[in-house]
PDB file of N, CA and C in Angstrom:
ATOM      1  N   MET A   1      65.765  -2.565 174.479  1.00  0.00           N
ATOM      2  CA  MET A   1      66.088  -2.097 173.144  1.00  0.00           C
ATOM      3  C   MET A   1      65.067  -2.590 172.119  1.00  0.00           C
ATOM      4  N   GLN A   2      64.568  -3.804 172.359  1.00  0.00           N
ATOM      5  CA  GLN A   2      63.585  -4.368 171.431  1.00  0.00           C
ATOM      6  C   GLN A   2      62.306  -3.521 171.409  1.00  0.00           C
ATOM      7  N   TYR A   3      61.874  -3.043 172.573  1.00  0.00           N
ATOM      8  CA  TYR A   3      60.677  -2.207 172.628  1.00  0.00           C
ATOM      9  C   TYR A   3      60.877  -0.896 171.875  1.00  0.00           C
ATOM     10  N   LEU A   4      62.086  -0.385 171.911  1.00  0.00           N
ATOM     11  CA  LEU A   4      62.381   0.852 171.189  1.00  0.00           C
ATOM     12  C   LEU A   4      62.213   0.645 169.683  1.00  0.00           C
ATOM     13  N   TRP A   5      62.736  -0.475 169.165  1.00  0.00           N
ATOM     14  CA  TRP A   5      62.595  -0.746 167.736  1.00  0.00           C
ATOM     15  C   TRP A   5      61.144  -0.967 167.344  1.00  0.00           C
ATOM     16  N   VAL A   6      60.395  -1.676 168.185  1.00  0.00           N
ATOM     17  CA  VAL A   6      58.967  -1.879 167.912  1.00  0.00           C
ATOM     18  C   VAL A   6      58.257  -0.531 167.850  1.00  0.00           C
ATOM     19  N   PHE A   7      58.543   0.326 168.814  1.00  0.00           N
ATOM     20  CA  PHE A   7      57.925   1.651 168.849  1.00  0.00           C
ATOM     21  C   PHE A   7      58.320   2.487 167.642  1.00  0.00           C
ATOM     22  N   LEU A   8      59.584   2.468 167.276  1.00  0.00           N
ATOM     23  CA  LEU A   8      60.053   3.283 166.158  1.00  0.00           C
ATOM     24  C   LEU A   8      59.483   2.809 164.819  1.00  0.00           C
ATOM     25  N   ILE A   9      59.487   1.503 164.580  1.00  0.00           N
ATOM     26  CA  ILE A   9      58.967   0.984 163.319  1.00  0.00           C
ATOM     27  C   ILE A   9      57.459   1.209 163.227  1.00  0.00           C
ATOM     28  N   GLY A  10      56.725   0.883 164.291  1.00  0.00           N
ATOM     29  CA  GLY A  10      55.272   1.111 164.301  1.00  0.00           C
ATOM     30  C   GLY A  10      54.942   2.582 164.162  1.00  0.00           C
ATOM     31  N   GLY A  11      55.708   3.428 164.837  1.00  0.00           N
ATOM     32  CA  GLY A  11      55.505   4.870 164.727  1.00  0.00           C
ATOM     33  C   GLY A  11      55.807   5.388 163.336  1.00  0.00           C
ATOM     34  N   LEU A  12      56.812   4.808 162.697  1.00  0.00           N
ATOM     35  CA  LEU A  12      57.155   5.201 161.333  1.00  0.00           C
ATOM     36  C   LEU A  12      56.029   4.858 160.363  1.00  0.00           C
ATOM     37  N   VAL A  13      55.435   3.683 160.534  1.00  0.00           N
ATOM     38  CA  VAL A  13      54.304   3.285 159.679  1.00  0.00           C
ATOM     39  C   VAL A  13      53.136   4.248 159.878  1.00  0.00           C
ATOM     40  N   CYS A  14      52.819   4.538 161.130  1.00  0.00           N
ATOM     41  CA  CYS A  14      51.706   5.456 161.418  1.00  0.00           C
ATOM     42  C   CYS A  14      52.013   6.874 160.941  1.00  0.00           C
ATOM     43  N   MET A  15      53.253   7.295 161.112  1.00  0.00           N
ATOM     44  CA  MET A  15      53.642   8.627 160.649  1.00  0.00           C
ATOM     45  C   MET A  15      53.518   8.735 159.131  1.00  0.00           C
ATOM     46  N   LEU A  16      53.903   7.681 158.431  1.00  0.00           N
ATOM     47  CA  LEU A  16      53.773   7.678 156.977  1.00  0.00           C
ATOM     48  C   LEU A  16      52.308   7.852 156.568  1.00  0.00           C
ATOM     49  N   GLY A  17      51.420   7.161 157.256  1.00  0.00           N
ATOM     50  CA  GLY A  17      49.990   7.314 156.977  1.00  0.00           C
ATOM     51  C   GLY A  17      49.506   8.726 157.242  1.00  0.00           C
ATOM     52  N   GLU A  18      49.926   9.305 158.359  1.00  0.00           N
ATOM     53  CA  GLU A  18      49.518  10.671 158.690  1.00  0.00           C
ATOM     54  C   GLU A  18      50.067  11.685 157.692  1.00  0.00           C
ATOM     55  N   VAL A  19      51.306  11.507 157.284  1.00  0.00           N
ATOM     56  CA  VAL A  19      51.901  12.418 156.299  1.00  0.00           C
ATOM     57  C   VAL A  19      51.133  12.346 154.986  1.00  0.00           C
ATOM     58  N   LEU A  20      50.753  11.129 154.581  1.00  0.00           N
ATOM     59  CA  LEU A  20      49.974  10.986 153.352  1.00  0.00           C
ATOM     60  C   LEU A  20      48.601  11.652 153.475  1.00  0.00           C
ATOM     61  N   ILE A  21      47.972  11.526 154.631  1.00  0.00           N
ATOM     62  CA  ILE A  21      46.658  12.154 154.835  1.00  0.00           C
ATOM     63  C   ILE A  21      46.773  13.672 154.806  1.00  0.00           C
ATOM     64  N   ILE A  22      47.791  14.209 155.460  1.00  0.00           N
ATOM     65  CA  ILE A  22      47.923  15.659 155.594  1.00  0.00           C
ATOM     66  C   ILE A  22      48.406  16.319 154.299  1.00  0.00           C
ATOM     67  N   THR A  23      49.357  15.702 153.627  1.00  0.00           N
ATOM     68  CA  THR A  23      49.999  16.382 152.497  1.00  0.00           C
ATOM     69  C   THR A  23      49.409  16.050 151.135  1.00  0.00           C
ATOM     70  N   THR A  24      48.575  15.034 151.044  1.00  0.00           N
ATOM     71  CA  THR A  24      47.990  14.679 149.751  1.00  0.00           C
ATOM     72  C   THR A  24      46.473  14.725 149.848  1.00  0.00           C
ATOM     73  N   LYS A  25      45.831  14.571 148.736  1.00  0.00           N
ATOM     74  CA  LYS A  25      44.368  14.522 148.713  1.00  0.00           C
ATOM     75  C   LYS A  25      43.859  13.086 148.665  1.00  0.00           C
ATOM     76  N   ILE A  26      44.744  12.133 148.959  1.00  0.00           N
ATOM     77  CA  ILE A  26      44.350  10.721 148.987  1.00  0.00           C
ATOM     78  C   ILE A  26      43.489  10.497 150.223  1.00  0.00           C
ATOM     79  N   THR A  27      42.377   9.822 150.049  1.00  0.00           N
ATOM     80  CA  THR A  27      41.506   9.560 151.192  1.00  0.00           C
ATOM     81  C   THR A  27      42.137   8.518 152.109  1.00  0.00           C
ATOM     82  N   SER A  28      41.722   8.528 153.365  1.00  0.00           N
ATOM     83  CA  SER A  28      42.286   7.580 154.323  1.00  0.00           C
ATOM     84  C   SER A  28      41.946   6.140 153.950  1.00  0.00           C
ATOM     85  N   ALA A  29      40.809   5.914 153.326  1.00  0.00           N
ATOM     86  CA  ALA A  29      40.453   4.560 152.899  1.00  0.00           C
ATOM     87  C   ALA A  29      41.427   4.052 151.834  1.00  0.00           C
ATOM     88  N   ARG A  30      41.806   4.902 150.921  1.00  0.00           N
ATOM     89  CA  ARG A  30      42.762   4.497 149.883  1.00  0.00           C
ATOM     90  C   ARG A  30      44.147   4.260 150.468  1.00  0.00           C
ATOM     91  N   ILE A  31      44.507   5.046 151.463  1.00  0.00           N
ATOM     92  CA  ILE A  31      45.788   4.840 152.130  1.00  0.00           C
ATOM     93  C   ILE A  31      45.790   3.490 152.849  1.00  0.00           C
ATOM     94  N   LEU A  32      44.691   3.142 153.496  1.00  0.00           N
ATOM     95  CA  LEU A  32      44.594   1.834 154.154  1.00  0.00           C
ATOM     96  C   LEU A  32      44.723   0.696 153.147  1.00  0.00           C
ATOM     97  N   VAL A  33      44.083   0.845 152.009  1.00  0.00           N
ATOM     98  CA  VAL A  33      44.191  -0.178 150.968  1.00  0.00           C
ATOM     99  C   VAL A  33      45.639  -0.290 150.490  1.00  0.00           C
ATOM    100  N   CYS A  34      46.311   0.830 150.340  1.00  0.00           N
ATOM    101  CA  CYS A  34      47.723   0.802 149.930  1.00  0.00           C
ATOM    102  C   CYS A  34      48.576   0.084 150.971  1.00  0.00           C
ATOM    103  N   PHE A  35      48.310   0.317 152.255  1.00  0.00           N
ATOM    104  CA  PHE A  35      49.067  -0.363 153.307  1.00  0.00           C
ATOM    105  C   PHE A  35      48.794  -1.865 153.298  1.00  0.00           C
ATOM    106  N   VAL A  36      47.555  -2.266 153.055  1.00  0.00           N
ATOM    107  CA  VAL A  36      47.249  -3.698 152.944  1.00  0.00           C
ATOM    108  C   VAL A  36      48.015  -4.293 151.767  1.00  0.00           C
ATOM    109  N   LEU A  37      48.022  -3.591 150.644  1.00  0.00           N
ATOM    110  CA  LEU A  37      48.747  -4.078 149.471  1.00  0.00           C
ATOM    111  C   LEU A  37      50.252  -4.147 149.715  1.00  0.00           C
ATOM    112  N   ILE A  38      50.793  -3.214 150.476  1.00  0.00           N
ATOM    113  CA  ILE A  38      52.211  -3.274 150.830  1.00  0.00           C
ATOM    114  C   ILE A  38      52.491  -4.554 151.619  1.00  0.00           C
ATOM    115  N   GLY A  39      51.610  -4.884 152.559  1.00  0.00           N
ATOM    116  CA  GLY A  39      51.763  -6.122 153.321  1.00  0.00           C
ATOM    117  C   GLY A  39      51.678  -7.355 152.444  1.00  0.00           C
ATOM    118  N   VAL A  40      50.759  -7.343 151.491  1.00  0.00           N
ATOM    119  CA  VAL A  40      50.610  -8.475 150.564  1.00  0.00           C
ATOM    120  C   VAL A  40      51.878  -8.637 149.722  1.00  0.00           C
ATOM    121  N   VAL A  41      52.386  -7.534 149.194  1.00  0.00           N
ATOM    122  CA  VAL A  41      53.582  -7.598 148.354  1.00  0.00           C
ATOM    123  C   VAL A  41      54.800  -8.048 149.176  1.00  0.00           C
ATOM    124  N   LEU A  42      54.947  -7.513 150.381  1.00  0.00           N
ATOM    125  CA  LEU A  42      56.067  -7.929 151.227  1.00  0.00           C
ATOM    126  C   LEU A  42      56.011  -9.423 151.528  1.00  0.00           C
ATOM    127  N   GLN A  43      54.823  -9.952 151.779  1.00  0.00           N
ATOM    128  CA  GLN A  43      54.677 -11.381 152.043  1.00  0.00           C
ATOM    129  C   GLN A  43      54.927 -12.194 150.773  1.00  0.00           C
ATOM    130  N   ALA A  44      54.464 -11.698 149.638  1.00  0.00           N
ATOM    131  CA  ALA A  44      54.611 -12.433 148.378  1.00  0.00           C
ATOM    132  C   ALA A  44      56.070 -12.567 147.961  1.00  0.00           C
ATOM    133  N   VAL A  45      56.891 -11.573 148.266  1.00  0.00           N
ATOM    134  CA  VAL A  45      58.306 -11.635 147.893  1.00  0.00           C
ATOM    135  C   VAL A  45      59.193 -12.074 149.062  1.00  0.00           C
ATOM    136  N   ASN A  46      58.571 -12.631 150.092  1.00  0.00           N
ATOM    137  CA  ASN A  46      59.270 -13.187 151.266  1.00  0.00           C
ATOM    138  C   ASN A  46      60.125 -12.165 152.009  1.00  0.00           C
ATOM    139  N   LEU A  47      59.684 -10.921 152.060  1.00  0.00           N
ATOM    140  CA  LEU A  47      60.385  -9.903 152.832  1.00  0.00           C
ATOM    141  C   LEU A  47      59.694  -9.586 154.151  1.00  0.00           C
ATOM    142  N   PHE A  48      58.445 -10.016 154.306  1.00  0.00           N
ATOM    143  CA  PHE A  48      57.715  -9.660 155.521  1.00  0.00           C
ATOM    144  C   PHE A  48      58.243 -10.414 156.733  1.00  0.00           C
ATOM    145  N   GLU A  49      58.559 -11.693 156.592  1.00  0.00           N
ATOM    146  CA  GLU A  49      59.033 -12.485 157.734  1.00  0.00           C
ATOM    147  C   GLU A  49      60.338 -11.936 158.325  1.00  0.00           C
ATOM    148  N   PRO A  50      61.362 -11.618 157.503  1.00  0.00           N
ATOM    149  CA  PRO A  50      62.573 -11.022 158.092  1.00  0.00           C
ATOM    150  C   PRO A  50      62.296  -9.666 158.742  1.00  0.00           C
ATOM    151  N   LEU A  51      61.429  -8.882 158.119  1.00  0.00           N
ATOM    152  CA  LEU A  51      61.066  -7.591 158.692  1.00  0.00           C
ATOM    153  C   LEU A  51      60.312  -7.776 160.004  1.00  0.00           C
ATOM    154  N   CYS A  52      59.443  -8.774 160.039  1.00  0.00           N
ATOM    155  CA  CYS A  52      58.677  -9.071 161.251  1.00  0.00           C
ATOM    156  C   CYS A  52      59.582  -9.611 162.358  1.00  0.00           C
ATOM    157  N   ALA A  53      60.605 -10.370 161.996  1.00  0.00           N
ATOM    158  CA  ALA A  53      61.549 -10.875 162.994  1.00  0.00           C
ATOM    159  C   ALA A  53      62.311  -9.730 163.654  1.00  0.00           C
ATOM    160  N   PHE A  54      62.545  -8.667 162.899  1.00  0.00           N
ATOM    161  CA  PHE A  54      63.253  -7.511 163.450  1.00  0.00           C
ATOM    162  C   PHE A  54      62.315  -6.566 164.187  1.00  0.00           C
ATOM    163  N   ALA A  55      61.212  -6.191 163.549  1.00  0.00           N
ATOM    164  CA  ALA A  55      60.330  -5.153 164.089  1.00  0.00           C
ATOM    165  C   ALA A  55      59.214  -5.697 164.957  1.00  0.00           C
ATOM    166  N   LYS A  56      58.972  -6.978 164.950  1.00  0.00           N
ATOM    167  CA  LYS A  56      57.940  -7.652 165.750  1.00  0.00           C
ATOM    168  C   LYS A  56      56.583  -6.952 165.574  1.00  0.00           C
ATOM    169  N   ALA A  57      55.970  -6.532 166.676  1.00  0.00           N
ATOM    170  CA  ALA A  57      54.629  -5.943 166.632  1.00  0.00           C
ATOM    171  C   ALA A  57      54.606  -4.584 165.949  1.00  0.00           C
ATOM    172  N   GLY A  58      55.752  -3.944 165.810  1.00  0.00           N
ATOM    173  CA  GLY A  58      55.801  -2.648 165.143  1.00  0.00           C
ATOM    174  C   GLY A  58      55.368  -2.712 163.695  1.00  0.00           C
ATOM    175  N   ILE A  59      55.552  -3.850 163.060  1.00  0.00           N
ATOM    176  CA  ILE A  59      55.121  -4.015 161.669  1.00  0.00           C
ATOM    177  C   ILE A  59      53.937  -4.965 161.581  1.00  0.00           C
ATOM    178  N   ASN A  60      53.778  -5.831 162.566  1.00  0.00           N
ATOM    179  CA  ASN A  60      52.740  -6.853 162.513  1.00  0.00           C
ATOM    180  C   ASN A  60      51.372  -6.323 162.935  1.00  0.00           C
ATOM    181  N   VAL A  61      51.337  -5.387 163.861  1.00  0.00           N
ATOM    182  CA  VAL A  61      50.058  -4.879 164.371  1.00  0.00           C
ATOM    183  C   VAL A  61      49.376  -3.909 163.410  1.00  0.00           C
ATOM    184  N   PRO A  62      50.101  -2.984 162.751  1.00  0.00           N
ATOM    185  CA  PRO A  62      49.395  -2.114 161.800  1.00  0.00           C
ATOM    186  C   PRO A  62      48.773  -2.901 160.647  1.00  0.00           C
ATOM    187  N   ILE A  63      48.043  -2.226 159.824  1.00  0.00           N
ATOM    188  CA  ILE A  63      47.278  -2.851 158.744  1.00  0.00           C
ATOM    189  C   ILE A  63      48.179  -3.581 157.749  1.00  0.00           C
ATOM    190  N   ILE A  64      49.455  -3.265 157.731  1.00  0.00           N
ATOM    191  CA  ILE A  64      50.396  -3.984 156.870  1.00  0.00           C
ATOM    192  C   ILE A  64      50.453  -5.452 157.274  1.00  0.00           C
ATOM    193  N   GLY A  65      50.410  -5.729 158.564  1.00  0.00           N
ATOM    194  CA  GLY A  65      50.408  -7.111 159.049  1.00  0.00           C
ATOM    195  C   GLY A  65      49.158  -7.862 158.627  1.00  0.00           C
ATOM    196  N   PHE A  66      48.021  -7.169 158.547  1.00  0.00           N
ATOM    197  CA  PHE A  66      46.791  -7.801 158.081  1.00  0.00           C
ATOM    198  C   PHE A  66      46.924  -8.214 156.619  1.00  0.00           C
ATOM    199  N   GLY A  67      47.516  -7.358 155.809  1.00  0.00           N
ATOM    200  CA  GLY A  67      47.735  -7.684 154.403  1.00  0.00           C
ATOM    201  C   GLY A  67      48.663  -8.880 154.248  1.00  0.00           C
ATOM    202  N   ALA A  68      49.701  -8.922 155.071  1.00  0.00           N
ATOM    203  CA  ALA A  68      50.619 -10.062 155.014  1.00  0.00           C
ATOM    204  C   ALA A  68      49.920 -11.348 155.447  1.00  0.00           C
ATOM    205  N   SER A  69      49.045 -11.269 156.439  1.00  0.00           N
ATOM    206  CA  SER A  69      48.296 -12.452 156.871  1.00  0.00           C
ATOM    207  C   SER A  69      47.355 -12.942 155.773  1.00  0.00           C
ATOM    208  N   LEU A  70      46.717 -12.011 155.077  1.00  0.00           N
ATOM    209  CA  LEU A  70      45.871 -12.395 153.942  1.00  0.00           C
ATOM    210  C   LEU A  70      46.679 -13.134 152.882  1.00  0.00           C
ATOM    211  N   ALA A  71      47.824 -12.585 152.541  1.00  0.00           N
ATOM    212  CA  ALA A  71      48.653 -13.203 151.507  1.00  0.00           C
ATOM    213  C   ALA A  71      49.193 -14.551 151.949  1.00  0.00           C
ATOM    214  N   LYS A  72      49.627 -14.640 153.211  1.00  0.00           N
ATOM    215  CA  LYS A  72      50.166 -15.906 153.721  1.00  0.00           C
ATOM    216  C   LYS A  72      49.100 -16.994 153.701  1.00  0.00           C
ATOM    217  N   GLY A  73      47.884 -16.646 154.103  1.00  0.00           N
ATOM    218  CA  GLY A  73      46.787 -17.607 154.059  1.00  0.00           C
ATOM    219  C   GLY A  73      46.443 -18.039 152.649  1.00  0.00           C
ATOM    220  N   ALA A  74      46.422 -17.083 151.737  1.00  0.00           N
ATOM    221  CA  ALA A  74      46.097 -17.403 150.341  1.00  0.00           C
ATOM    222  C   ALA A  74      47.179 -18.273 149.707  1.00  0.00           C
ATOM    223  N   ILE A  75      48.439 -17.956 149.967  1.00  0.00           N
ATOM    224  CA  ILE A  75      49.541 -18.739 149.404  1.00  0.00           C
ATOM    225  C   ILE A  75      49.506 -20.168 149.941  1.00  0.00           C
ATOM    226  N   GLY A  76      49.280 -20.310 151.247  1.00  0.00           N
ATOM    227  CA  GLY A  76      49.209 -21.649 151.835  1.00  0.00           C
ATOM    228  C   GLY A  76      48.038 -22.457 151.306  1.00  0.00           C
ATOM    229  N   ALA A  77      46.904 -21.806 151.136  1.00  0.00           N
ATOM    230  CA  ALA A  77      45.722 -22.514 150.636  1.00  0.00           C
ATOM    231  C   ALA A  77      45.874 -22.880 149.157  1.00  0.00           C
ATOM    232  N   VAL A  78      46.556 -22.067 148.381  1.00  0.00           N
ATOM    233  CA  VAL A  78      46.798 -22.409 146.977  1.00  0.00           C
ATOM    234  C   VAL A  78      47.666 -23.655 146.890  1.00  0.00           C
ATOM    235  N   LYS A  79      48.655 -23.763 147.764  1.00  0.00           N
ATOM    236  CA  LYS A  79      49.516 -24.947 147.782  1.00  0.00           C
ATOM    237  C   LYS A  79      48.735 -26.197 148.172  1.00  0.00           C
ATOM    238  N   SER A  80      47.732 -26.031 149.041  1.00  0.00           N
ATOM    239  CA  SER A  80      46.958 -27.183 149.510  1.00  0.00           C
ATOM    240  C   SER A  80      45.771 -27.519 148.616  1.00  0.00           C
ATOM    241  N   TYR A  81      45.036 -26.507 148.177  1.00  0.00           N
ATOM    242  CA  TYR A  81      43.765 -26.738 147.489  1.00  0.00           C
ATOM    243  C   TYR A  81      43.745 -26.295 146.037  1.00  0.00           C
ATOM    244  N   GLY A  82      44.800 -25.698 145.555  1.00  0.00           N
ATOM    245  CA  GLY A  82      44.817 -25.223 144.182  1.00  0.00           C
ATOM    246  C   GLY A  82      44.262 -23.815 144.068  1.00  0.00           C
ATOM    247  N   LEU A  83      43.763 -23.483 142.904  1.00  0.00           N
ATOM    248  CA  LEU A  83      43.320 -22.121 142.611  1.00  0.00           C
ATOM    249  C   LEU A  83      42.205 -21.639 143.533  1.00  0.00           C
ATOM    250  N   ILE A  84      41.316 -22.516 143.950  1.00  0.00           N
ATOM    251  CA  ILE A  84      40.227 -22.096 144.837  1.00  0.00           C
ATOM    252  C   ILE A  84      40.771 -21.568 146.172  1.00  0.00           C
ATOM    253  N   GLY A  85      41.962 -22.019 146.554  1.00  0.00           N
ATOM    254  CA  GLY A  85      42.585 -21.541 147.784  1.00  0.00           C
ATOM    255  C   GLY A  85      42.943 -20.074 147.745  1.00  0.00           C
ATOM    256  N   ALA A  86      43.143 -19.526 146.549  1.00  0.00           N
ATOM    257  CA  ALA A  86      43.434 -18.097 146.425  1.00  0.00           C
ATOM    258  C   ALA A  86      42.264 -17.252 146.908  1.00  0.00           C
ATOM    259  N   PHE A  87      41.061 -17.792 146.801  1.00  0.00           N
ATOM    260  CA  PHE A  87      39.864 -17.052 147.211  1.00  0.00           C
ATOM    261  C   PHE A  87      39.482 -17.329 148.660  1.00  0.00           C
ATOM    262  N   THR A  88      39.814 -18.517 149.170  1.00  0.00           N
ATOM    263  CA  THR A  88      39.373 -18.895 150.519  1.00  0.00           C
ATOM    264  C   THR A  88      40.460 -18.779 151.571  1.00  0.00           C
ATOM    265  N   GLY A  89      41.708 -18.907 151.199  1.00  0.00           N
ATOM    266  CA  GLY A  89      42.800 -18.962 152.171  1.00  0.00           C
ATOM    267  C   GLY A  89      42.984 -17.699 152.979  1.00  0.00           C
ATOM    268  N   GLY A  90      42.896 -16.550 152.330  1.00  0.00           N
ATOM    269  CA  GLY A  90      43.068 -15.287 153.042  1.00  0.00           C
ATOM    270  C   GLY A  90      42.004 -15.065 154.090  1.00  0.00           C
ATOM    271  N   LEU A  91      40.775 -15.418 153.752  1.00  0.00           N
ATOM    272  CA  LEU A  91      39.686 -15.245 154.724  1.00  0.00           C
ATOM    273  C   LEU A  91      39.802 -16.229 155.876  1.00  0.00           C
ATOM    274  N   GLN A  92      40.238 -17.450 155.601  1.00  0.00           N
ATOM    275  CA  GLN A  92      40.427 -18.413 156.681  1.00  0.00           C
ATOM    276  C   GLN A  92      41.532 -17.959 157.633  1.00  0.00           C
ATOM    277  N   ALA A  93      42.583 -17.382 157.091  1.00  0.00           N
ATOM    278  CA  ALA A  93      43.710 -16.957 157.912  1.00  0.00           C
ATOM    279  C   ALA A  93      43.375 -15.750 158.783  1.00  0.00           C
ATOM    280  N   THR A  94      42.459 -14.921 158.348  1.00  0.00           N
ATOM    281  CA  THR A  94      42.151 -13.685 159.074  1.00  0.00           C
ATOM    282  C   THR A  94      40.737 -13.667 159.652  1.00  0.00           C
ATOM    283  N   ALA A  95      40.084 -14.812 159.679  1.00  0.00           N
ATOM    284  CA  ALA A  95      38.685 -14.866 160.115  1.00  0.00           C
ATOM    285  C   ALA A  95      38.502 -14.363 161.548  1.00  0.00           C
ATOM    286  N   GLY A  96      39.426 -14.685 162.431  1.00  0.00           N
ATOM    287  CA  GLY A  96      39.314 -14.232 163.819  1.00  0.00           C
ATOM    288  C   GLY A  96      39.329 -12.720 163.939  1.00  0.00           C
ATOM    289  N   GLY A  97      40.243 -12.074 163.231  1.00  0.00           N
ATOM    290  CA  GLY A  97      40.322 -10.613 163.266  1.00  0.00           C
ATOM    291  C   GLY A  97      39.119  -9.952 162.629  1.00  0.00           C
ATOM    292  N   ILE A  98      38.641 -10.528 161.537  1.00  0.00           N
ATOM    293  CA  ILE A  98      37.460  -9.970 160.873  1.00  0.00           C
ATOM    294  C   ILE A  98      36.237 -10.112 161.761  1.00  0.00           C
ATOM    295  N   ALA A  99      36.072 -11.277 162.384  1.00  0.00           N
ATOM    296  CA  ALA A  99      34.931 -11.498 163.279  1.00  0.00           C
ATOM    297  C   ALA A  99      34.987 -10.555 164.483  1.00  0.00           C
ATOM    298  N   ALA A 100      36.178 -10.343 165.033  1.00  0.00           N
ATOM    299  CA  ALA A 100      36.311  -9.420 166.167  1.00  0.00           C
ATOM    300  C   ALA A 100      35.960  -7.993 165.750  1.00  0.00           C
ATOM    301  N   ALA A 101      36.406  -7.577 164.559  1.00  0.00           N
ATOM    302  CA  ALA A 101      36.098  -6.225 164.080  1.00  0.00           C
ATOM    303  C   ALA A 101      34.591  -6.042 163.915  1.00  0.00           C
ATOM    304  N   ILE A 102      33.916  -7.052 163.377  1.00  0.00           N
ATOM    305  CA  ILE A 102      32.463  -6.968 163.201  1.00  0.00           C
ATOM    306  C   ILE A 102      31.762  -6.925 164.551  1.00  0.00           C
ATOM    307  N   ALA A 103      32.193  -7.774 165.480  1.00  0.00           N
ATOM    308  CA  ALA A 103      31.561  -7.820 166.809  1.00  0.00           C
ATOM    309  C   ALA A 103      31.745  -6.500 167.551  1.00  0.00           C
ATOM    310  N   PHE A 104      32.968  -5.957 167.547  1.00  0.00           N
ATOM    311  CA  PHE A 104      33.196  -4.696 168.236  1.00  0.00           C
ATOM    312  C   PHE A 104      32.468  -3.539 167.563  1.00  0.00           C
ATOM    313  N   ALA A 105      32.380  -3.553 166.247  1.00  0.00           N
ATOM    314  CA  ALA A 105      31.632  -2.512 165.543  1.00  0.00           C
ATOM    315  C   ALA A 105      30.159  -2.563 165.926  1.00  0.00           C
ATOM    316  N   PHE A 106      29.614  -3.760 166.046  1.00  0.00           N
ATOM    317  CA  PHE A 106      28.215  -3.904 166.445  1.00  0.00           C
ATOM    318  C   PHE A 106      28.001  -3.397 167.869  1.00  0.00           C
ATOM    319  N   ILE A 107      28.898  -3.785 168.781  1.00  0.00           N
ATOM    320  CA  ILE A 107      28.769  -3.352 170.180  1.00  0.00           C
ATOM    321  C   ILE A 107      28.841  -1.829 170.278  1.00  0.00           C
ATOM    322  N   PHE A 108      29.793  -1.225 169.592  1.00  0.00           N
ATOM    323  CA  PHE A 108      29.914   0.232 169.662  1.00  0.00           C
ATOM    324  C   PHE A 108      28.782   0.944 168.941  1.00  0.00           C
ATOM    325  N   SER A 109      28.181   0.293 167.957  1.00  0.00           N
ATOM    326  CA  SER A 109      27.022   0.913 167.306  1.00  0.00           C
ATOM    327  C   SER A 109      25.827   0.949 168.257  1.00  0.00           C
ATOM    328  N   LEU A 110      25.769   0.007 169.183  1.00  0.00           N
ATOM    329  CA  LEU A 110      24.710   0.024 170.183  1.00  0.00           C
ATOM    330  C   LEU A 110      24.963   1.072 171.261  1.00  0.00           C
ATOM    331  N   ILE A 111      26.221   1.300 171.584  1.00  0.00           N
ATOM    332  CA  ILE A 111      26.588   2.219 172.662  1.00  0.00           C
ATOM    333  C   ILE A 111      26.584   3.670 172.192  1.00  0.00           C
ATOM    334  N   CYS A 112      27.167   3.920 171.039  1.00  0.00           N
ATOM    335  CA  CYS A 112      27.369   5.286 170.537  1.00  0.00           C
ATOM    336  C   CYS A 112      26.297   5.652 169.512  1.00  0.00           C
ATOM    337  N   LYS A 113      26.050   6.939 169.409  1.00  0.00           N
ATOM    338  CA  LYS A 113      25.104   7.433 168.425  1.00  0.00           C
ATOM    339  C   LYS A 113      25.875   8.134 167.320  1.00  0.00           C
ATOM    340  N   SER A 114      25.663   7.710 166.072  1.00  0.00           N
ATOM    341  CA  SER A 114      26.399   8.311 164.953  1.00  0.00           C
ATOM    342  C   SER A 114      25.806   9.669 164.596  1.00  0.00           C
ATOM    343  N   LYS A 115      26.662  10.509 164.092  1.00  0.00           N
ATOM    344  CA  LYS A 115      26.251  11.846 163.655  1.00  0.00           C
ATOM    345  C   LYS A 115      26.730  12.053 162.235  1.00  0.00           C
ATOM    346  N   THR A 116      25.891  12.568 161.386  1.00  0.00           N
ATOM    347  CA  THR A 116      26.293  12.861 160.022  1.00  0.00           C
ATOM    348  C   THR A 116      26.961  14.234 159.988  1.00  0.00           C
ATOM    349  N   LYS A 117      27.837  14.413 159.041  1.00  0.00           N
ATOM    350  CA  LYS A 117      28.545  15.706 158.935  1.00  0.00           C
ATOM    351  C   LYS A 117      27.750  16.678 158.106  1.00  0.00           C
TER     352      LYS A 117
END
């Protein structure tokens, strides 16, 4: 049953993104930014953890989880280091994911040939 909820919640997030792409003129980059901001807001008002406890990877794996990780890192660093933590905490919390994205992008840029439209 847990896998069903993970699938449904994750699918709902992805479906929402697809509906926004298809029915509006909002670019996919702006939709991604909105999803990151949703994650930040959910973490800031302490709603992401209960949602994550229920939906697990269904909410944590999409870009909303990345936004929540940024906010969680920034909030923790502000408590430890003060205002400078607002700028450094989010990057420290998500450094592994950012480094992996850069590494995989580099590897695929070597393998694949880009084409302009």
